């Protein structure tokens, strides 16, 4: 019956060998039927639906290569058992069993003999599935759907040489950022998440991070009293980059996937707009200031813009278009803009011009690239956003005396602008053109210049807004 049975089954009797084969075959058929009729996972199902007809044909060919046809004619019992073992242990039954595998179904062999059979089967499964797994991964098959041992054997899918090379978090984030083009704040946040993980693990090689490492990191952070929300953010942020890396063949899988802790978030107290008295109090206090603090509260009041959009503006961003003075909210080297719809032309409200803002503009250097608010001290990275936000918040709270936690020092102006535009019955499209929100209503919203590039039309609505003082 061949050397395989003499060595593994410790019998040369063909009846005994084939009786064992028959028992295993029956269990295999039952499990195979259950496997083939089982509902595919959501991940696999979504992947299959994403394939082209040609790609589906490739998958069928790969699946066919894992069946008995690939072994050719059955010449002896050893080949038959190898075929059976390979197919059986790719079934859902085998994949779901933890190592070591349970005894062979229906087998009455001694445990030592069963162990030798399992070892031989594992070798055969890995040999026959490695190439197929590599091909599937190349078609975008979700790596997490493959058994772990097959994933490890298929490391050639990302290149054996590459897999052996360390990959620092900084290099990975740099590659991800080159394609994703995140905002500076997002880039800083994601890089920080990896740094905290690296410090805890004691090494900086993303390819060496395992799911167990992430579990240990999570448990240690929670034990130290770090809030679940903060830990969740770190794992989700690092996981987003690793998910991209797995899709782009830089990592075999994402070790952070599905491991973020659940973080009950009640959320902050809802922000409310400044009322007329509060608005007047702030604008009056600004008149006693100089430099940027003299003007930022007034510009916030009459534009509804984000403070991050204003403090990085350049001299050239305040100009005339069709005889209308505007703030041109557009990207520059320090401000990428929240998104494409945030780019807009906001007309200067008559109250802002009447207050003397254009006189302030005339005092600035003529260089178009010069900062609009040069008195804001930049931070070490050259950004004025954080220093301005912090100082402005302190000024509103301590100097002006508005301490309510439901008031956001800068953002409550945006809430007020929304309400003021509602009072004058401004159209939704005009409101979005002023505040820079993205609320597409139909296909036509993407046609033409839109009110974001029609400052004269927007000014007709904006000038109807009353000044609080």
Protein backbone atom coordinates (compact mmCIF):
# COMPACT_ATOMS: atom_id res chain seq x y z
CA UNK A 1 0.00 0.00 0.00
CA UNK A 2 3.00 2.27 -0.14
CA UNK A 3 5.58 3.55 2.31
CA UNK A 4 3.21 6.21 3.64
CA UNK A 5 0.86 3.66 5.26
CA UNK A 6 3.65 1.48 6.48
CA UNK A 7 5.16 4.43 8.26
CA UNK A 8 2.06 6.35 9.41
CA UNK A 9 -0.66 3.71 9.87
CA UNK A 10 1.70 0.97 11.00
CA UNK A 11 -0.06 -1.57 8.84
CA UNK A 12 0.53 -3.23 5.52
CA UNK A 13 -2.98 -4.60 5.41
CA UNK A 14 -4.90 -2.95 2.62
CA UNK A 15 -8.29 -3.64 4.18
CA UNK A 16 -7.35 -1.85 7.40
CA UNK A 17 -5.90 1.08 5.48
CA UNK A 18 -8.86 1.49 3.17
CA UNK A 19 -11.32 1.10 6.06
CA UNK A 20 -9.64 4.07 7.74
CA UNK A 21 -9.75 5.96 4.45
CA UNK A 22 -13.46 5.18 4.05
CA UNK A 23 -14.27 6.54 7.52
CA UNK A 24 -12.37 9.73 6.90
CA UNK A 25 -13.90 10.08 3.45
CA UNK A 26 -17.44 9.88 4.82
CA UNK A 27 -16.74 12.59 7.39
CA UNK A 28 -15.00 14.64 4.73
CA UNK A 29 -18.01 14.47 2.41
CA UNK A 30 -20.32 15.55 5.21
CA UNK A 31 -18.12 18.47 6.19
CA UNK A 32 -17.45 19.40 2.58
CA UNK A 33 -21.20 19.57 1.89
CA UNK A 34 -21.66 21.81 4.90
CA UNK A 35 -18.74 23.96 3.84
CA UNK A 36 -19.88 24.45 0.26
CA UNK A 37 -23.42 25.38 1.32
CA UNK A 38 -22.32 27.68 4.14
CA UNK A 39 -23.03 31.36 3.78
CA UNK A 40 -19.80 33.24 2.94
CA UNK A 41 -18.57 35.83 5.39
CA UNK A 42 -19.50 39.44 4.77
CA UNK A 43 -15.85 40.26 4.07
CA UNK A 44 -15.43 37.50 1.48
CA UNK A 45 -18.83 38.14 -0.03
CA UNK A 46 -18.02 41.84 -0.51
CA UNK A 47 -14.70 40.92 -2.09
CA UNK A 48 -16.34 38.52 -4.56
CA UNK A 49 -18.88 41.15 -5.61
CA UNK A 50 -16.05 43.61 -6.28
CA UNK A 51 -14.33 41.36 -8.84
CA UNK A 52 -14.60 41.67 -12.58
CA UNK A 53 -15.78 38.73 -14.69
CA UNK A 54 -12.18 38.04 -15.68
CA UNK A 55 -11.03 38.08 -12.06
CA UNK A 56 -13.82 35.72 -11.05
CA UNK A 57 -12.58 33.33 -13.70
CA UNK A 58 -9.14 33.47 -12.11
CA UNK A 59 -10.64 32.67 -8.73
CA UNK A 60 -12.47 29.67 -10.17
CA UNK A 61 -9.17 28.47 -11.64
CA UNK A 62 -7.45 28.87 -8.27
CA UNK A 63 -10.22 26.99 -6.51
CA UNK A 64 -10.03 24.22 -9.11
CA UNK A 65 -6.28 23.96 -8.50
CA UNK A 66 -7.01 23.09 -4.87
CA UNK A 67 -9.23 20.11 -5.74
CA UNK A 68 -8.50 16.52 -6.58
CA UNK A 69 -8.02 17.29 -10.27
CA UNK A 70 -4.62 18.82 -9.53
CA UNK A 71 -3.29 15.49 -8.26
CA UNK A 72 -3.97 13.66 -11.50
CA UNK A 73 -4.83 9.96 -11.61
CA UNK A 74 -4.89 8.19 -8.26
CA UNK A 75 -2.11 5.63 -8.58
CA UNK A 76 -1.87 4.43 -5.02
CA UNK A 77 -3.36 4.88 -1.58
CA UNK A 78 -0.71 7.40 -0.51
CA UNK A 79 -1.76 9.81 -3.21
CA UNK A 80 -5.42 9.26 -2.41
CA UNK A 81 -4.87 10.00 1.27
CA UNK A 82 -2.84 13.10 0.42
CA UNK A 83 -5.65 14.35 -1.81
CA UNK A 84 -8.28 13.64 0.82
CA UNK A 85 -6.25 15.24 3.60
CA UNK A 86 -5.58 18.36 1.58
CA UNK A 87 -9.23 18.90 0.72
CA UNK A 88 -10.54 17.95 4.15
CA UNK A 89 -8.27 20.23 6.11
CA UNK A 90 -9.15 23.19 3.91
CA UNK A 91 -12.77 22.76 4.97
CA UNK A 92 -14.47 25.05 7.45
CA UNK A 93 -14.28 22.24 10.01
CA UNK A 94 -10.51 22.13 9.95
CA UNK A 95 -9.93 25.89 9.75
CA UNK A 96 -12.11 26.50 12.79
CA UNK A 97 -10.24 23.99 14.97
CA UNK A 98 -7.45 25.29 17.21
CA UNK A 99 -4.10 23.57 17.00
CA UNK A 100 -3.37 20.80 17.68
CA UNK A 101 -6.17 19.37 15.56
CA UNK A 102 -8.73 17.06 17.08
CA UNK A 103 -8.42 13.35 16.26
CA UNK A 104 -9.30 12.39 12.71
CA UNK A 105 -13.08 11.97 12.48
CA UNK A 106 -14.08 8.33 12.71
CA UNK A 107 -10.51 7.20 13.32
CA UNK A 108 -9.68 4.55 15.91
CA UNK A 109 -5.92 4.83 15.46
CA UNK A 110 -3.57 5.26 18.42
CA UNK A 111 -2.88 8.94 19.30
CA UNK A 112 0.76 8.69 18.15
CA UNK A 113 -0.27 7.48 14.73
CA UNK A 114 -2.90 10.20 14.47
CA UNK A 115 -0.29 12.83 15.37
CA UNK A 116 1.99 11.61 12.56
CA UNK A 117 -0.91 11.75 10.12
CA UNK A 118 -1.78 15.30 11.22
CA UNK A 119 1.83 16.39 10.72
CA UNK A 120 1.88 14.93 7.23
CA UNK A 121 -1.47 16.55 6.46
CA UNK A 122 -0.33 19.98 7.65
CA UNK A 123 2.73 19.76 5.42
CA UNK A 124 0.58 18.82 2.44
CA UNK A 125 -1.98 21.54 3.10
CA UNK A 126 0.66 24.24 3.36
CA UNK A 127 2.45 23.01 0.25
CA UNK A 128 -0.66 22.97 -1.90
CA UNK A 129 -2.27 26.14 -0.58
CA UNK A 130 0.70 28.50 -0.43
CA UNK A 131 0.73 29.31 -4.14
CA UNK A 132 -3.05 29.56 -4.29
CA UNK A 133 -3.15 31.88 -1.29
CA UNK A 134 -0.53 34.09 -2.88
CA UNK A 135 -2.58 34.29 -6.07
CA UNK A 136 -5.76 35.09 -4.14
CA UNK A 137 -4.05 37.85 -2.18
CA UNK A 138 -2.84 39.25 -5.46
CA UNK A 139 -6.49 39.55 -6.51
CA UNK A 140 -7.31 41.48 -3.36
CA UNK A 141 -8.71 38.57 -1.33
CA UNK A 142 -9.00 39.67 2.35
CA UNK A 143 -5.98 38.16 4.11
CA UNK A 144 -7.87 37.83 7.40
CA UNK A 145 -10.13 35.24 5.74
CA UNK A 146 -7.21 32.85 5.26
CA UNK A 147 -6.01 30.49 8.03
CA UNK A 148 -3.05 31.98 9.88
CA UNK A 149 -0.61 29.25 8.82
CA UNK A 150 -1.56 29.74 5.18
CA UNK A 151 -1.11 33.50 5.54
CA UNK A 152 2.39 32.99 6.88
CA UNK A 153 3.28 30.61 4.06
CA UNK A 154 1.95 33.14 1.57
CA UNK A 155 4.33 35.84 2.73
CA UNK A 156 5.71 35.86 -0.79
CA UNK A 157 2.59 37.86 -1.70
CA UNK A 158 4.38 40.89 -0.36
CA UNK A 159 7.80 39.71 -1.48
CA UNK A 160 10.04 37.51 0.63
CA UNK A 161 12.81 40.11 0.71
CA UNK A 162 10.42 42.89 1.66
CA UNK A 163 8.79 40.77 4.38
CA UNK A 164 12.18 40.27 6.05
CA UNK A 165 12.99 43.97 6.09
CA UNK A 166 11.91 46.13 9.05
CA UNK A 167 9.35 48.81 8.30
CA UNK A 168 9.42 51.77 10.66
CA UNK A 169 6.20 53.54 11.56
CA UNK A 170 7.57 56.80 10.16
CA UNK A 171 8.25 55.20 6.76
CA UNK A 172 4.81 53.62 6.69
CA UNK A 173 3.01 56.82 7.63
CA UNK A 174 5.06 58.71 5.05
CA UNK A 175 3.99 56.27 2.31
CA UNK A 176 0.36 56.41 3.41
CA UNK A 177 0.39 60.22 3.55
CA UNK A 178 1.89 60.50 0.05
CA UNK A 179 -1.27 58.90 -1.34
CA UNK A 180 -3.90 59.98 1.18
CA UNK A 181 -2.78 63.61 1.50
CA UNK A 182 -4.08 64.05 5.07
CA UNK A 183 -4.24 67.38 6.85
CA UNK A 184 -1.23 68.26 9.03
CA UNK A 185 -3.36 67.67 12.13
CA UNK A 186 -4.35 64.18 10.97
CA UNK A 187 -0.77 63.34 10.04
CA UNK A 188 0.42 64.40 13.48
CA UNK A 189 -2.35 62.41 15.19
CA UNK A 190 -1.67 59.19 13.29
CA UNK A 191 2.09 59.47 13.77
CA UNK A 192 1.54 59.98 17.50
CA UNK A 193 -0.52 56.80 17.71
CA UNK A 194 2.32 54.74 16.22
CA UNK A 195 4.89 56.37 18.48
CA UNK A 196 2.92 55.42 21.58
CA UNK A 197 2.62 51.84 20.37
CA UNK A 198 6.34 51.66 19.56
CA UNK A 199 7.35 53.03 22.96
CA UNK A 200 5.23 50.42 24.70
CA UNK A 201 6.43 47.49 22.57
CA UNK A 202 10.07 48.53 22.68
CA UNK A 203 10.62 48.27 18.93
CA UNK A 204 9.76 50.24 15.81
CA UNK A 205 8.93 47.72 13.11
CA UNK A 206 5.31 47.61 11.97
CA UNK A 207 5.86 44.27 10.21
CA UNK A 208 6.73 42.70 13.56
CA UNK A 209 3.59 43.91 15.33
CA UNK A 210 1.11 41.13 16.03
CA UNK A 211 -2.49 41.20 17.18
CA UNK A 212 -1.30 39.93 20.56
CA UNK A 213 1.01 42.96 20.81
CA UNK A 214 -1.94 45.27 20.17
CA UNK A 215 -4.01 43.49 22.82
CA UNK A 216 -1.17 43.95 25.33
CA UNK A 217 -0.87 47.64 24.41
CA UNK A 218 -4.61 48.13 24.87
CA UNK A 219 -4.69 46.35 28.23
CA UNK A 220 -1.66 48.28 29.55
CA UNK A 221 -3.13 51.64 28.55
CA UNK A 222 -6.46 50.89 30.17
CA UNK A 223 -4.70 49.63 33.33
CA UNK A 224 -2.84 52.94 33.54
CA UNK A 225 -6.14 54.79 33.60
CA UNK A 226 -6.01 56.12 30.04
CA UNK A 227 -9.56 56.63 28.84
CA UNK A 228 -11.06 54.01 26.52
CA UNK A 229 -11.78 56.78 24.02
CA UNK A 230 -8.11 57.74 23.81
CA UNK A 231 -7.01 54.11 23.44
CA UNK A 232 -9.71 53.59 20.83
CA UNK A 233 -8.45 56.56 18.84
CA UNK A 234 -4.86 55.27 18.86
CA UNK A 235 -5.82 51.78 17.69
CA UNK A 236 -8.25 53.03 15.06
CA UNK A 237 -5.76 55.58 13.73
CA UNK A 238 -2.87 53.11 13.51
CA UNK A 239 -5.27 50.54 12.08
CA UNK A 240 -6.39 52.86 9.30
CA UNK A 241 -2.80 53.20 8.09
CA UNK A 242 -2.12 49.46 8.42
CA UNK A 243 -5.32 48.64 6.52
CA UNK A 244 -4.05 50.81 3.67
CA UNK A 245 -0.63 49.11 3.90
CA UNK A 246 -2.19 45.63 3.67
CA UNK A 247 -4.13 46.62 0.56
CA UNK A 248 -0.96 48.05 -0.95
CA UNK A 249 1.10 44.92 -0.28
CA UNK A 250 3.34 46.51 2.35
CA UNK A 251 1.89 44.35 5.13
CA UNK A 252 0.32 40.93 4.97
CA UNK A 253 -2.49 41.89 7.33
CA UNK A 254 -3.62 44.63 9.70
CA UNK A 255 -2.72 43.70 13.30
CA UNK A 256 -4.97 46.44 14.71
CA UNK A 257 -8.14 45.26 12.95
CA UNK A 258 -11.12 44.84 15.24
CA UNK A 259 -9.16 45.44 18.47
CA UNK A 260 -10.17 48.99 19.40
CA UNK A 261 -11.99 49.06 22.76
CA UNK A 262 -15.57 50.14 22.94
CA UNK A 263 -15.64 53.67 24.28
CA UNK A 264 -18.92 54.95 25.68
CA UNK A 265 -19.01 58.57 24.59
CA UNK A 266 -21.64 60.86 25.99
CA UNK A 267 -20.19 63.70 24.03
CA UNK A 268 -19.55 67.25 25.18
CA UNK A 269 -22.33 69.58 26.16
CA UNK A 270 -23.92 70.92 22.95
CA UNK A 271 -22.38 74.17 21.76
CA UNK A 272 -24.68 77.13 21.53
CA UNK A 273 -24.39 80.40 19.60
CA UNK A 274 -23.45 83.69 21.19
CA UNK A 275 -26.53 85.73 21.94
CA UNK A 276 -26.68 89.46 21.16
CA UNK A 277 -25.39 90.53 24.58
CA UNK A 278 -22.45 88.13 24.50
CA UNK A 279 -21.59 89.06 20.92
CA UNK A 280 -21.65 92.78 21.77
CA UNK A 281 -19.51 92.18 24.86
CA UNK A 282 -16.84 90.39 22.82
CA UNK A 283 -16.76 92.94 20.00
CA UNK A 284 -16.54 95.86 22.45
CA UNK A 285 -13.66 94.13 24.27
CA UNK A 286 -11.85 93.59 20.96
CA UNK A 287 -11.83 97.34 20.35
CA UNK A 288 -9.50 97.68 23.33
CA UNK A 289 -7.01 95.19 21.85
CA UNK A 290 -4.35 95.59 19.16
CA UNK A 291 -2.95 93.40 16.43
CA UNK A 292 -4.74 90.20 15.55
CA UNK A 293 -6.91 90.11 18.71
CA UNK A 294 -8.38 93.44 17.62
CA UNK A 295 -9.72 91.88 14.43
CA UNK A 296 -10.18 88.13 14.77
CA UNK A 297 -13.36 88.41 16.91
CA UNK A 298 -14.91 90.81 14.38
CA UNK A 299 -13.98 88.64 11.40
CA UNK A 300 -15.33 85.54 13.16
CA UNK A 301 -18.58 87.36 13.89
CA UNK A 302 -19.25 88.54 10.34
CA UNK A 303 -17.91 85.57 8.33
CA UNK A 304 -18.78 82.51 10.40
CA UNK A 305 -15.42 81.10 9.29
CA UNK A 306 -13.33 78.63 11.24
CA UNK A 307 -10.52 80.26 13.22
CA UNK A 308 -8.05 77.87 11.56
CA UNK A 309 -9.10 79.22 8.16
CA UNK A 310 -8.50 82.84 9.18
CA UNK A 311 -5.25 82.84 11.12
CA UNK A 312 -3.22 81.29 8.27
CA UNK A 313 -4.48 83.73 5.62
CA UNK A 314 -2.09 85.77 3.54
CA UNK A 315 -2.25 89.41 2.51
CA UNK A 316 -3.41 88.38 -0.96
CA UNK A 317 -6.43 86.52 0.47
CA UNK A 318 -8.25 89.82 1.07
CA UNK A 319 -8.95 91.37 -2.31
CA UNK A 320 -11.66 92.66 -4.61
CA UNK A 321 -13.61 90.47 -7.04
CA UNK A 322 -16.15 92.22 -9.23
CA UNK A 323 -15.84 95.31 -6.99
CA UNK A 324 -16.66 93.23 -3.88
CA UNK A 325 -14.10 92.89 -1.09
CA UNK A 326 -13.70 89.25 -0.14
CA UNK A 327 -11.85 86.79 2.07
CA UNK A 328 -10.55 84.11 -0.30
CA UNK A 329 -10.64 80.90 1.73
CA UNK A 330 -8.34 78.65 -0.29
CA UNK A 331 -5.39 76.33 0.42
CA UNK A 332 -1.88 77.59 1.00
CA UNK A 333 1.35 76.08 2.25
CA UNK A 334 0.14 76.25 5.87
CA UNK A 335 -3.55 75.56 5.38
CA UNK A 336 -4.79 72.76 3.15
CA UNK A 337 -8.45 73.45 3.80
CA UNK A 338 -10.87 71.04 5.41
CA UNK A 339 -12.12 69.83 2.03
CA UNK A 340 -12.82 71.12 -1.47
CA UNK A 341 -16.18 72.59 -0.49
CA UNK A 342 -14.52 74.65 2.25
CA UNK A 343 -12.90 76.76 -0.47
CA UNK A 344 -15.01 79.85 -1.02
CA UNK A 345 -15.13 83.62 -1.31
CA UNK A 346 -16.74 85.28 1.71
CA UNK A 347 -17.69 88.93 1.16
CA UNK A 348 -16.70 91.48 3.79
CA UNK A 349 -19.80 92.52 5.72
CA UNK A 350 -20.46 96.28 5.63
CA UNK A 351 -20.05 96.42 9.43
CA UNK A 352 -16.54 94.98 9.16
CA UNK A 353 -15.56 97.55 6.55
CA UNK A 354 -17.17 100.30 8.60
CA UNK A 355 -15.16 99.21 11.63
CA UNK A 356 -11.95 99.92 9.69
CA UNK A 357 -10.70 96.51 8.67
CA UNK A 358 -9.51 97.78 5.29
CA UNK A 359 -7.50 100.46 7.10
CA UNK A 360 -5.81 97.66 9.05
CA UNK A 361 -5.13 95.90 5.76
CA UNK A 362 -3.37 98.99 4.42
CA UNK A 363 -0.90 98.91 7.32
CA UNK A 364 0.42 95.48 6.35
CA UNK A 365 3.48 94.91 4.15
CA UNK A 366 2.69 94.94 0.45
CA UNK A 367 4.07 91.41 -0.01
CA UNK A 368 1.07 89.31 -1.14
CA UNK A 369 2.48 86.24 0.64
CA UNK A 370 2.87 88.05 3.97
CA UNK A 371 0.64 86.83 6.84
CA UNK A 372 -2.67 88.60 7.25
CA UNK A 373 -2.16 88.48 11.01
CA UNK A 374 1.62 88.65 11.49
CA UNK A 375 1.35 89.40 15.22
CA UNK A 376 0.27 85.79 15.90
CA UNK A 377 3.44 83.99 17.02
CA UNK A 378 3.86 80.72 15.08
CA UNK A 379 4.63 77.47 16.86
CA UNK A 380 7.88 75.53 16.20
CA UNK A 381 6.34 73.95 13.10
CA UNK A 382 5.47 77.37 11.68
CA UNK A 383 1.72 77.06 12.22
CA UNK A 384 -0.32 79.87 13.79
CA UNK A 385 -3.44 77.79 14.44
CA UNK A 386 -2.65 76.33 17.85
CA UNK A 387 -1.14 79.51 19.35
CA UNK A 388 -4.05 81.62 18.09
CA UNK A 389 -6.73 79.17 19.23
CA UNK A 390 -5.23 78.88 22.70
CA UNK A 391 -4.69 82.62 23.21
CA UNK A 392 -8.11 83.53 21.80
CA UNK A 393 -9.82 81.02 24.14
CA UNK A 394 -7.97 82.41 27.14
CA UNK A 395 -8.94 85.95 26.15
CA UNK A 396 -12.66 85.13 25.76
CA UNK A 397 -12.74 83.27 29.08
CA UNK A 398 -10.52 85.43 31.26
CA UNK A 399 -10.64 88.93 29.76
CA UNK A 400 -14.13 89.07 28.31
CA UNK A 401 -15.54 86.84 31.04
CA UNK A 402 -17.62 84.35 29.01
CA UNK A 403 -17.06 81.13 30.92
CA UNK A 404 -20.06 78.96 30.03
CA UNK A 405 -18.97 75.47 28.98
CA UNK A 406 -21.65 75.45 26.31
CA UNK A 407 -19.89 78.35 24.57
CA UNK A 408 -16.96 77.53 22.29
CA UNK A 409 -14.81 80.70 22.14
CA UNK A 410 -14.41 80.62 18.35
CA UNK A 411 -16.94 78.06 17.16
CA UNK A 412 -19.97 79.68 18.80
CA UNK A 413 -19.61 82.41 16.16
CA UNK A 414 -20.32 79.78 13.48
CA UNK A 415 -23.44 78.72 15.36
CA UNK A 416 -24.52 82.34 15.56
CA UNK A 417 -23.95 82.85 11.83
CA UNK A 418 -26.20 79.88 11.02
CA UNK A 419 -29.01 81.34 13.12
CA UNK A 420 -28.57 84.83 11.71
CA UNK A 421 -28.82 83.47 8.17
CA UNK A 422 -31.97 81.59 9.14
CA UNK A 423 -33.51 84.83 10.38
CA UNK A 424 -33.12 86.47 6.98
CA UNK A 425 -34.38 83.32 5.25
CA UNK A 426 -31.14 82.85 3.28
CA UNK A 427 -31.25 79.86 0.94
CA UNK A 428 -29.43 76.68 1.95
CA UNK A 429 -26.98 77.13 -0.91
CA UNK A 430 -26.10 80.63 0.26
CA UNK A 431 -25.63 79.38 3.82
CA UNK A 432 -23.24 76.66 2.65
CA UNK A 433 -21.36 79.16 0.47
CA UNK A 434 -20.73 81.35 3.53
CA UNK A 435 -19.96 78.66 6.11
CA UNK A 436 -18.15 76.25 3.80
CA UNK A 437 -20.25 73.19 4.58
CA UNK A 438 -20.79 70.27 2.23
CA UNK A 439 -24.51 69.56 1.81
CA UNK A 440 -25.06 68.34 -1.76
CA UNK A 441 -28.80 68.26 -2.47
CA UNK A 442 -28.97 66.94 -6.01
CA UNK A 443 -26.86 66.38 -9.10
CA UNK A 444 -27.28 70.00 -10.13
CA UNK A 445 -25.41 71.18 -7.04
CA UNK A 446 -22.16 70.25 -8.75
CA UNK A 447 -22.86 72.26 -11.90
CA UNK A 448 -21.67 75.80 -12.56
CA UNK A 449 -19.55 78.03 -10.34
CA UNK A 450 -22.01 78.04 -7.48
CA UNK A 451 -22.46 80.80 -4.92
CA UNK A 452 -19.01 80.03 -3.48
CA UNK A 453 -17.62 81.89 -6.50
CA UNK A 454 -20.35 84.56 -6.71
CA UNK A 455 -19.45 87.01 -3.93
CA UNK A 456 -21.74 89.72 -5.28
CA UNK A 457 -24.79 87.47 -4.94
CA UNK A 458 -23.73 86.25 -1.50
CA UNK A 459 -23.19 89.83 -0.30
CA UNK A 460 -26.84 90.62 -1.00
CA UNK A 461 -27.81 88.11 1.69
CA UNK A 462 -24.88 88.66 4.03
CA UNK A 463 -25.40 92.43 4.22
CA UNK A 464 -28.91 91.82 5.60
CA UNK A 465 -27.39 90.43 8.80
CA UNK A 466 -27.57 92.93 11.64
CA UNK A 467 -24.60 93.93 13.74
CA UNK A 468 -24.89 93.18 17.47
CA UNK A 469 -23.44 96.63 18.31
